Amino acid sequence: MDEKLRALMDQTPEKPPRSKLDPHEDVIRELRRRGRTYQEIAQFFAEHLNMTVAPSTIYAFIRVRARRRQRLPIELPPANIETEQAASNRGHLGSEDDVKERIAALKRRRPPKEPQKPRFEYDENEPLRLIPRTNQEQKSGKQN
């Protein structure tokens, strides 16, 4: 960073906390870890820190900070095309013959013997209705 910018940054004071709970974030998290409710934490603050705060305020405080933690960017390594090609050449992704054989096996697979029975009855002038299963279907455990 440029020396002039560094000097300006050093002269700029830090912003004060926006919430009166900021200095006590660790206390709130520890009390939550110990199973305390937001109501109990609010009572704790009133008794020990002489600070009145609503349980909903504590909840919102924790929730906002949890969202901020989730939004932290995750840096992924850059995609490397050469690495994928090298893995393919070594056989990790499957050779061309292997892929062709798997496709042929899928094509040879036979369709189910009996067509699926509809589960719903549709009439545009009526509500959608579920068709009841027969006793034999229930006994065999079919999932149609």
Foldseek 3Di string as FASTA:
>chain_A
DDPVVVVVVVPDDDDDDPDPCVVVPVVLVVCVVVPDALVVVQVVCCPPVVDHDDSVVSVVVVVVVVVVVVPDDDDDPDDDPVVVVVCVVVQNVHDPVRVVVVVVVVVPDDDDPDDDDDQWDDDPVDDIGGDDDDPVCVVVVDDD
